[in-house]
Amino acid sequence: MTFGKQADPDLTKLLDKKLAIKLNGNRTVHGILRGFDTFMNIALKDTVEVVSPTEKYEIGMVIIRGNSILLMEPLESMAYVPKTE
């Protein structure tokens, strides 16, 4: 049974932007997106683990596996670029 080709994630508009990443295990990190691959594994720099609003830990450069990411949210504004086909 074939379900069609899976689209690669297009995160290029988020490169060098600060993101909030919700991970499985009820963990949240904030960091600047430096790279990604087709499996949505991501590299973040200046990463901070947010345990609570008052408890944060600087953890620096990290690689996060795509299968552990639940949600990605930009923390800074982005310019709108219309999609061309």
PDB file of N, CA and C in Angstrom:
ATOM      1  N   MET A   1       0.848  -1.167   0.000  1.00  0.00           N
ATOM      2  CA  MET A   1       0.000   0.000   0.000  1.00  0.00           C
ATOM      3  C   MET A   1       0.899   1.237   0.000  1.00  0.00           C
ATOM      4  N   THR A   2       0.649   2.179  -0.884  1.00  0.00           N
ATOM      5  CA  THR A   2       1.450   3.390  -0.993  1.00  0.00           C
ATOM      6  C   THR A   2       0.610   4.594  -0.581  1.00  0.00           C
ATOM      7  N   PHE A   3       1.176   5.421   0.258  1.00  0.00           N
ATOM      8  CA  PHE A   3       0.471   6.605   0.735  1.00  0.00           C
ATOM      9  C   PHE A   3       0.963   7.875   0.058  1.00  0.00           C
ATOM     10  N   GLY A   4       1.832   7.767  -0.919  1.00  0.00           N
ATOM     11  CA  GLY A   4       2.352   8.950  -1.596  1.00  0.00           C
ATOM     12  C   GLY A   4       3.663   9.402  -0.991  1.00  0.00           C
ATOM     13  N   LYS A   5       4.279  10.328  -1.668  1.00  0.00           N
ATOM     14  CA  LYS A   5       5.580  10.831  -1.230  1.00  0.00           C
ATOM     15  C   LYS A   5       5.404  11.784  -0.053  1.00  0.00           C
ATOM     16  N   GLN A   6       6.217  11.575   0.949  1.00  0.00           N
ATOM     17  CA  GLN A   6       6.192  12.462   2.102  1.00  0.00           C
ATOM     18  C   GLN A   6       6.966  13.724   1.764  1.00  0.00           C
ATOM     19  N   ALA A   7       6.402  14.881   2.063  1.00  0.00           N
ATOM     20  CA  ALA A   7       7.064  16.151   1.775  1.00  0.00           C
ATOM     21  C   ALA A   7       8.167  16.417   2.792  1.00  0.00           C
ATOM     22  N   ASP A   8       9.279  16.935   2.302  1.00  0.00           N
ATOM     23  CA  ASP A   8      10.363  17.331   3.195  1.00  0.00           C
ATOM     24  C   ASP A   8       9.943  18.596   3.939  1.00  0.00           C
ATOM     25  N   PRO A   9      10.356  18.737   5.197  1.00  0.00           N
ATOM     26  CA  PRO A   9       9.991  19.951   5.929  1.00  0.00           C
ATOM     27  C   PRO A   9      10.695  21.162   5.325  1.00  0.00           C
ATOM     28  N   ASP A  10       9.982  22.251   5.124  1.00  0.00           N
ATOM     29  CA  ASP A  10      10.587  23.475   4.616  1.00  0.00           C
ATOM     30  C   ASP A  10      10.697  24.463   5.767  1.00  0.00           C
ATOM     31  N   LEU A  11      11.801  24.396   6.455  1.00  0.00           N
ATOM     32  CA  LEU A  11      12.029  25.257   7.608  1.00  0.00           C
ATOM     33  C   LEU A  11      12.984  26.394   7.276  1.00  0.00           C
ATOM     34  N   THR A  12      13.265  26.611   5.987  1.00  0.00           N
ATOM     35  CA  THR A  12      14.251  27.628   5.613  1.00  0.00           C
ATOM     36  C   THR A  12      13.847  29.017   6.091  1.00  0.00           C
ATOM     37  N   LYS A  13      12.548  29.315   6.103  1.00  0.00           N
ATOM     38  CA  LYS A  13      12.117  30.640   6.564  1.00  0.00           C
ATOM     39  C   LYS A  13      12.308  30.818   8.069  1.00  0.00           C
ATOM     40  N   LEU A  14      12.563  29.716   8.777  1.00  0.00           N
ATOM     41  CA  LEU A  14      12.789  29.790  10.224  1.00  0.00           C
ATOM     42  C   LEU A  14      14.271  29.791  10.593  1.00  0.00           C
ATOM     43  N   LEU A  15      15.154  29.616   9.600  1.00  0.00           N
ATOM     44  CA  LEU A  15      16.590  29.603   9.897  1.00  0.00           C
ATOM     45  C   LEU A  15      17.004  30.927  10.533  1.00  0.00           C
ATOM     46  N   ASP A  16      17.848  30.843  11.538  1.00  0.00           N
ATOM     47  CA  ASP A  16      18.363  31.999  12.282  1.00  0.00           C
ATOM     48  C   ASP A  16      17.272  32.760  13.036  1.00  0.00           C
ATOM     49  N   LYS A  17      16.138  32.111  13.269  1.00  0.00           N
ATOM     50  CA  LYS A  17      15.060  32.695  14.075  1.00  0.00           C
ATOM     51  C   LYS A  17      14.981  31.962  15.409  1.00  0.00           C
ATOM     52  N   LYS A  18      14.552  32.686  16.441  1.00  0.00           N
ATOM     53  CA  LYS A  18      14.374  32.072  17.755  1.00  0.00           C
ATOM     54  C   LYS A  18      13.045  31.333  17.780  1.00  0.00           C
ATOM     55  N   LEU A  19      13.099  30.073  18.235  1.00  0.00           N
ATOM     56  CA  LEU A  19      11.919  29.214  18.256  1.00  0.00           C
ATOM     57  C   LEU A  19      11.668  28.676  19.656  1.00  0.00           C
ATOM     58  N   ALA A  20      10.408  28.375  19.934  1.00  0.00           N
ATOM     59  CA  ALA A  20      10.031  27.580  21.100  1.00  0.00           C
ATOM     60  C   ALA A  20       9.711  26.193  20.570  1.00  0.00           C
ATOM     61  N   ILE A  21      10.330  25.168  21.152  1.00  0.00           N
ATOM     62  CA  ILE A  21      10.136  23.788  20.713  1.00  0.00           C
ATOM     63  C   ILE A  21       9.551  23.000  21.878  1.00  0.00           C
ATOM     64  N   LYS A  22       8.375  22.427  21.663  1.00  0.00           N
ATOM     65  CA  LYS A  22       7.755  21.539  22.662  1.00  0.00           C
ATOM     66  C   LYS A  22       8.158  20.115  22.297  1.00  0.00           C
ATOM     67  N   LEU A  23       8.741  19.397  23.262  1.00  0.00           N
ATOM     68  CA  LEU A  23       9.239  18.044  23.037  1.00  0.00           C
ATOM     69  C   LEU A  23       8.408  17.037  23.817  1.00  0.00           C
ATOM     70  N   ASN A  24       8.488  15.768  23.388  1.00  0.00           N
ATOM     71  CA  ASN A  24       7.806  14.743  24.174  1.00  0.00           C
ATOM     72  C   ASN A  24       8.478  14.667  25.545  1.00  0.00           C
ATOM     73  N   GLY A  25       7.812  14.112  26.509  1.00  0.00           N
ATOM     74  CA  GLY A  25       8.327  14.104  27.875  1.00  0.00           C
ATOM     75  C   GLY A  25       8.057  15.410  28.595  1.00  0.00           C
ATOM     76  N   ASN A  26       7.139  16.226  28.041  1.00  0.00           N
ATOM     77  CA  ASN A  26       6.747  17.498  28.656  1.00  0.00           C
ATOM     78  C   ASN A  26       7.929  18.445  28.846  1.00  0.00           C
ATOM     79  N   ARG A  27       8.817  18.503  27.850  1.00  0.00           N
ATOM     80  CA  ARG A  27       9.973  19.401  27.904  1.00  0.00           C
ATOM     81  C   ARG A  27       9.805  20.498  26.865  1.00  0.00           C
ATOM     82  N   THR A  28      10.327  21.682  27.186  1.00  0.00           N
ATOM     83  CA  THR A  28      10.288  22.824  26.271  1.00  0.00           C
ATOM     84  C   THR A  28      11.665  23.458  26.222  1.00  0.00           C
ATOM     85  N   VAL A  29      12.107  23.789  25.002  1.00  0.00           N
ATOM     86  CA  VAL A  29      13.369  24.509  24.827  1.00  0.00           C
ATOM     87  C   VAL A  29      13.134  25.693  23.908  1.00  0.00           C
ATOM     88  N   HIS A  30      13.946  26.737  24.098  1.00  0.00           N
ATOM     89  CA  HIS A  30      13.969  27.894  23.209  1.00  0.00           C
ATOM     90  C   HIS A  30      15.376  27.975  22.641  1.00  0.00           C
ATOM     91  N   GLY A  31      15.487  28.254  21.348  1.00  0.00           N
ATOM     92  CA  GLY A  31      16.803  28.392  20.742  1.00  0.00           C
ATOM     93  C   GLY A  31      16.701  28.925  19.327  1.00  0.00           C
ATOM     94  N   ILE A  32      17.857  29.194  18.726  1.00  0.00           N
ATOM     95  CA  ILE A  32      17.937  29.740  17.377  1.00  0.00           C
ATOM     96  C   ILE A  32      18.209  28.602  16.404  1.00  0.00           C
ATOM     97  N   LEU A  33      17.331  28.443  15.419  1.00  0.00           N
ATOM     98  CA  LEU A  33      17.452  27.356  14.448  1.00  0.00           C
ATOM     99  C   LEU A  33      18.653  27.587  13.538  1.00  0.00           C
ATOM    100  N   ARG A  34      19.584  26.625  13.531  1.00  0.00           N
ATOM    101  CA  ARG A  34      20.784  26.721  12.699  1.00  0.00           C
ATOM    102  C   ARG A  34      20.780  25.731  11.548  1.00  0.00           C
ATOM    103  N   GLY A  35      19.971  24.669  11.629  1.00  0.00           N
ATOM    104  CA  GLY A  35      19.929  23.708  10.538  1.00  0.00           C
ATOM    105  C   GLY A  35      18.873  22.652  10.773  1.00  0.00           C
ATOM    106  N   PHE A  36      18.566  21.903   9.693  1.00  0.00           N
ATOM    107  CA  PHE A  36      17.578  20.827   9.765  1.00  0.00           C
ATOM    108  C   PHE A  36      17.827  19.870   8.615  1.00  0.00           C
ATOM    109  N   ASP A  37      17.217  18.689   8.691  1.00  0.00           N
ATOM    110  CA  ASP A  37      17.329  17.727   7.596  1.00  0.00           C
ATOM    111  C   ASP A  37      15.947  17.204   7.218  1.00  0.00           C
ATOM    112  N   THR A  38      15.913  16.227   6.322  1.00  0.00           N
ATOM    113  CA  THR A  38      14.631  15.723   5.820  1.00  0.00           C
ATOM    114  C   THR A  38      13.819  14.980   6.877  1.00  0.00           C
ATOM    115  N   PHE A  39      14.466  14.552   7.964  1.00  0.00           N
ATOM    116  CA  PHE A  39      13.759  13.866   9.049  1.00  0.00           C
ATOM    117  C   PHE A  39      13.304  14.848  10.126  1.00  0.00           C
ATOM    118  N   MET A  40      13.488  16.139   9.875  1.00  0.00           N
ATOM    119  CA  MET A  40      13.170  17.219  10.794  1.00  0.00           C
ATOM    120  C   MET A  40      14.016  17.176  12.063  1.00  0.00           C
ATOM    121  N   ASN A  41      15.187  16.521  11.985  1.00  0.00           N
ATOM    122  CA  ASN A  41      16.172  16.693  13.041  1.00  0.00           C
ATOM    123  C   ASN A  41      16.631  18.138  12.933  1.00  0.00           C
ATOM    124  N   ILE A  42      16.797  18.804  14.069  1.00  0.00           N
ATOM    125  CA  ILE A  42      17.156  20.219  14.020  1.00  0.00           C
ATOM    126  C   ILE A  42      18.377  20.501  14.884  1.00  0.00           C
ATOM    127  N   ALA A  43      19.101  21.537  14.504  1.00  0.00           N
ATOM    128  CA  ALA A  43      20.227  22.043  15.286  1.00  0.00           C
ATOM    129  C   ALA A  43      19.832  23.418  15.808  1.00  0.00           C
ATOM    130  N   LEU A  44      19.962  23.603  17.115  1.00  0.00           N
ATOM    131  CA  LEU A  44      19.652  24.882  17.753  1.00  0.00           C
ATOM    132  C   LEU A  44      20.890  25.412  18.451  1.00  0.00           C
ATOM    133  N   LYS A  45      21.095  26.730  18.386  1.00  0.00           N
ATOM    134  CA  LYS A  45      22.171  27.341  19.166  1.00  0.00           C
ATOM    135  C   LYS A  45      21.555  28.246  20.227  1.00  0.00           C
ATOM    136  N   ASP A  46      22.359  28.592  21.219  1.00  0.00           N
ATOM    137  CA  ASP A  46      21.909  29.439  22.336  1.00  0.00           C
ATOM    138  C   ASP A  46      20.626  28.889  22.956  1.00  0.00           C
ATOM    139  N   THR A  47      20.602  27.583  23.152  1.00  0.00           N
ATOM    140  CA  THR A  47      19.394  26.899  23.612  1.00  0.00           C
ATOM    141  C   THR A  47      19.221  27.020  25.122  1.00  0.00           C
ATOM    142  N   VAL A  48      17.977  27.213  25.528  1.00  0.00           N
ATOM    143  CA  VAL A  48      17.607  27.304  26.940  1.00  0.00           C
ATOM    144  C   VAL A  48      16.470  26.323  27.182  1.00  0.00           C
ATOM    145  N   GLU A  49      16.632  25.441  28.181  1.00  0.00           N
ATOM    146  CA  GLU A  49      15.527  24.570  28.577  1.00  0.00           C
ATOM    147  C   GLU A  49      14.653  25.341  29.554  1.00  0.00           C
ATOM    148  N   VAL A  50      13.359  25.396  29.253  1.00  0.00           N
ATOM    149  CA  VAL A  50      12.406  26.129  30.088  1.00  0.00           C
ATOM    150  C   VAL A  50      11.637  25.107  30.914  1.00  0.00           C
ATOM    151  N   VAL A  51      11.974  25.034  32.201  1.00  0.00           N
ATOM    152  CA  VAL A  51      11.321  24.091  33.107  1.00  0.00           C
ATOM    153  C   VAL A  51      10.044  24.710  33.664  1.00  0.00           C
ATOM    154  N   SER A  52      10.111  25.988  34.004  1.00  0.00           N
ATOM    155  CA  SER A  52       8.958  26.755  34.479  1.00  0.00           C
ATOM    156  C   SER A  52       9.243  28.218  34.130  1.00  0.00           C
ATOM    157  N   PRO A  53       8.267  29.098  34.299  1.00  0.00           N
ATOM    158  CA  PRO A  53       8.535  30.508  33.969  1.00  0.00           C
ATOM    159  C   PRO A  53       9.708  31.111  34.752  1.00  0.00           C
ATOM    160  N   THR A  54      10.008  30.561  35.914  1.00  0.00           N
ATOM    161  CA  THR A  54      11.113  31.093  36.720  1.00  0.00           C
ATOM    162  C   THR A  54      12.347  30.201  36.721  1.00  0.00           C
ATOM    163  N   GLU A  55      12.273  29.029  36.118  1.00  0.00           N
ATOM    164  CA  GLU A  55      13.394  28.077  36.124  1.00  0.00           C
ATOM    165  C   GLU A  55      13.813  27.755  34.692  1.00  0.00           C
ATOM    166  N   LYS A  56      15.013  28.252  34.319  1.00  0.00           N
ATOM    167  CA  LYS A  56      15.535  28.054  32.968  1.00  0.00           C
ATOM    168  C   LYS A  56      17.000  27.658  33.059  1.00  0.00           C
ATOM    169  N   TYR A  57      17.432  26.795  32.128  1.00  0.00           N
ATOM    170  CA  TYR A  57      18.813  26.319  32.104  1.00  0.00           C
ATOM    171  C   TYR A  57      19.405  26.524  30.721  1.00  0.00           C
ATOM    172  N   GLU A  58      20.530  27.231  30.649  1.00  0.00           N
ATOM    173  CA  GLU A  58      21.229  27.409  29.379  1.00  0.00           C
ATOM    174  C   GLU A  58      21.954  26.115  29.040  1.00  0.00           C
ATOM    175  N   ILE A  59      21.683  25.571  27.845  1.00  0.00           N
ATOM    176  CA  ILE A  59      22.328  24.313  27.454  1.00  0.00           C
ATOM    177  C   ILE A  59      23.121  24.444  26.155  1.00  0.00           C
ATOM    178  N   GLY A  60      23.152  25.629  25.549  1.00  0.00           N
ATOM    179  CA  GLY A  60      24.016  25.883  24.395  1.00  0.00           C
ATOM    180  C   GLY A  60      23.527  25.263  23.100  1.00  0.00           C
ATOM    181  N   MET A  61      24.481  24.687  22.330  1.00  0.00           N
ATOM    182  CA  MET A  61      24.175  24.090  21.020  1.00  0.00           C
ATOM    183  C   MET A  61      23.653  22.679  21.218  1.00  0.00           C
ATOM    184  N   VAL A  62      22.511  22.361  20.583  1.00  0.00           N
ATOM    185  CA  VAL A  62      21.925  21.024  20.708  1.00  0.00           C
ATOM    186  C   VAL A  62      21.421  20.535  19.357  1.00  0.00           C
ATOM    187  N   ILE A  63      21.369  19.220  19.217  1.00  0.00           N
ATOM    188  CA  ILE A  63      20.728  18.558  18.085  1.00  0.00           C
ATOM    189  C   ILE A  63      19.509  17.831  18.652  1.00  0.00           C
ATOM    190  N   ILE A  64      18.357  18.040  18.053  1.00  0.00           N
ATOM    191  CA  ILE A  64      17.117  17.416  18.523  1.00  0.00           C
ATOM    192  C   ILE A  64      16.573  16.523  17.416  1.00  0.00           C
ATOM    193  N   ARG A  65      16.286  15.282  17.768  1.00  0.00           N
ATOM    194  CA  ARG A  65      15.713  14.346  16.792  1.00  0.00           C
ATOM    195  C   ARG A  65      14.296  14.768  16.429  1.00  0.00           C
ATOM    196  N   GLY A  66      13.992  14.672  15.157  1.00  0.00           N
ATOM    197  CA  GLY A  66      12.687  15.098  14.665  1.00  0.00           C
ATOM    198  C   GLY A  66      11.523  14.352  15.279  1.00  0.00           C
ATOM    199  N   ASN A  67      11.724  13.058  15.598  1.00  0.00           N
ATOM    200  CA  ASN A  67      10.600  12.287  16.138  1.00  0.00           C
ATOM    201  C   ASN A  67      10.270  12.653  17.585  1.00  0.00           C
ATOM    202  N   SER A  68      11.069  13.513  18.222  1.00  0.00           N
ATOM    203  CA  SER A  68      10.747  13.947  19.582  1.00  0.00           C
ATOM    204  C   SER A  68      10.098  15.331  19.609  1.00  0.00           C
ATOM    205  N   ILE A  69       9.933  15.953  18.437  1.00  0.00           N
ATOM    206  CA  ILE A  69       9.351  17.295  18.365  1.00  0.00           C
ATOM    207  C   ILE A  69       7.834  17.198  18.223  1.00  0.00           C
ATOM    208  N   LEU A  70       7.132  17.874  19.137  1.00  0.00           N
ATOM    209  CA  LEU A  70       5.671  17.924  19.075  1.00  0.00           C
ATOM    210  C   LEU A  70       5.180  19.208  18.422  1.00  0.00           C
ATOM    211  N   LEU A  71       5.883  20.336  18.689  1.00  0.00           N
ATOM    212  CA  LEU A  71       5.423  21.640  18.231  1.00  0.00           C
ATOM    213  C   LEU A  71       6.612  22.574  18.082  1.00  0.00           C
ATOM    214  N   MET A  72       6.609  23.376  17.019  1.00  0.00           N
ATOM    215  CA  MET A  72       7.618  24.421  16.825  1.00  0.00           C
ATOM    216  C   MET A  72       6.885  25.740  16.633  1.00  0.00           C
ATOM    217  N   GLU A  73       7.301  26.765  17.385  1.00  0.00           N
ATOM    218  CA  GLU A  73       6.638  28.063  17.303  1.00  0.00           C
ATOM    219  C   GLU A  73       7.687  29.166  17.229  1.00  0.00           C
ATOM    220  N   PRO A  74       7.617  30.039  16.217  1.00  0.00           N
ATOM    221  CA  PRO A  74       8.575  31.151  16.160  1.00  0.00           C
ATOM    222  C   PRO A  74       8.311  32.138  17.294  1.00  0.00           C
ATOM    223  N   LEU A  75       9.393  32.652  17.882  1.00  0.00           N
ATOM    224  CA  LEU A  75       9.269  33.626  18.962  1.00  0.00           C
ATOM    225  C   LEU A  75       9.576  35.042  18.486  1.00  0.00           C
ATOM    226  N   GLU A  76       9.859  35.196  17.192  1.00  0.00           N
ATOM    227  CA  GLU A  76      10.060  36.523  16.619  1.00  0.00           C
ATOM    228  C   GLU A  76       9.285  36.603  15.313  1.00  0.00           C
ATOM    229  N   SER A  77       8.966  37.821  14.909  1.00  0.00           N
ATOM    230  CA  SER A  77       8.140  37.991  13.711  1.00  0.00           C
ATOM    231  C   SER A  77       8.909  37.604  12.452  1.00  0.00           C
ATOM    232  N   MET A  78       8.148  37.191  11.447  1.00  0.00           N
ATOM    233  CA  MET A  78       8.731  36.783  10.172  1.00  0.00           C
ATOM    234  C   MET A  78       8.025  37.545   9.061  1.00  0.00           C
ATOM    235  N   ALA A  79       8.758  37.850   7.996  1.00  0.00           N
ATOM    236  CA  ALA A  79       8.156  38.511   6.836  1.00  0.00           C
ATOM    237  C   ALA A  79       7.333  37.493   6.058  1.00  0.00           C
ATOM    238  N   TYR A  80       6.193  37.920   5.544  1.00  0.00           N
ATOM    239  CA  TYR A  80       5.351  37.041   4.737  1.00  0.00           C
ATOM    240  C   TYR A  80       5.924  36.964   3.329  1.00  0.00           C
ATOM    241  N   VAL A  81       6.148  35.749   2.859  1.00  0.00           N
ATOM    242  CA  VAL A  81       6.618  35.524   1.493  1.00  0.00           C
ATOM    243  C   VAL A  81       5.603  34.616   0.817  1.00  0.00           C
ATOM    244  N   PRO A  82       4.907  35.107  -0.223  1.00  0.00           N
ATOM    245  CA  PRO A  82       3.910  34.262  -0.886  1.00  0.00           C
ATOM    246  C   PRO A  82       4.554  33.043  -1.521  1.00  0.00           C
ATOM    247  N   LYS A  83       3.853  31.924  -1.467  1.00  0.00           N
ATOM    248  CA  LYS A  83       4.359  30.675  -2.040  1.00  0.00           C
ATOM    249  C   LYS A  83       4.184  30.713  -3.548  1.00  0.00           C
ATOM    250  N   THR A  84       5.250  30.409  -4.270  1.00  0.00           N
ATOM    251  CA  THR A  84       5.182  30.346  -5.727  1.00  0.00           C
ATOM    252  C   THR A  84       5.279  28.902  -6.159  1.00  0.00           C
ATOM    253  N   GLU A  85       4.555  28.552  -7.182  1.00  0.00           N
ATOM    254  CA  GLU A  85       4.561  27.163  -7.656  1.00  0.00           C
ATOM    255  C   GLU A  85       5.080  27.089  -9.059  1.00  0.00           C
TER     256      GLU A  85
END
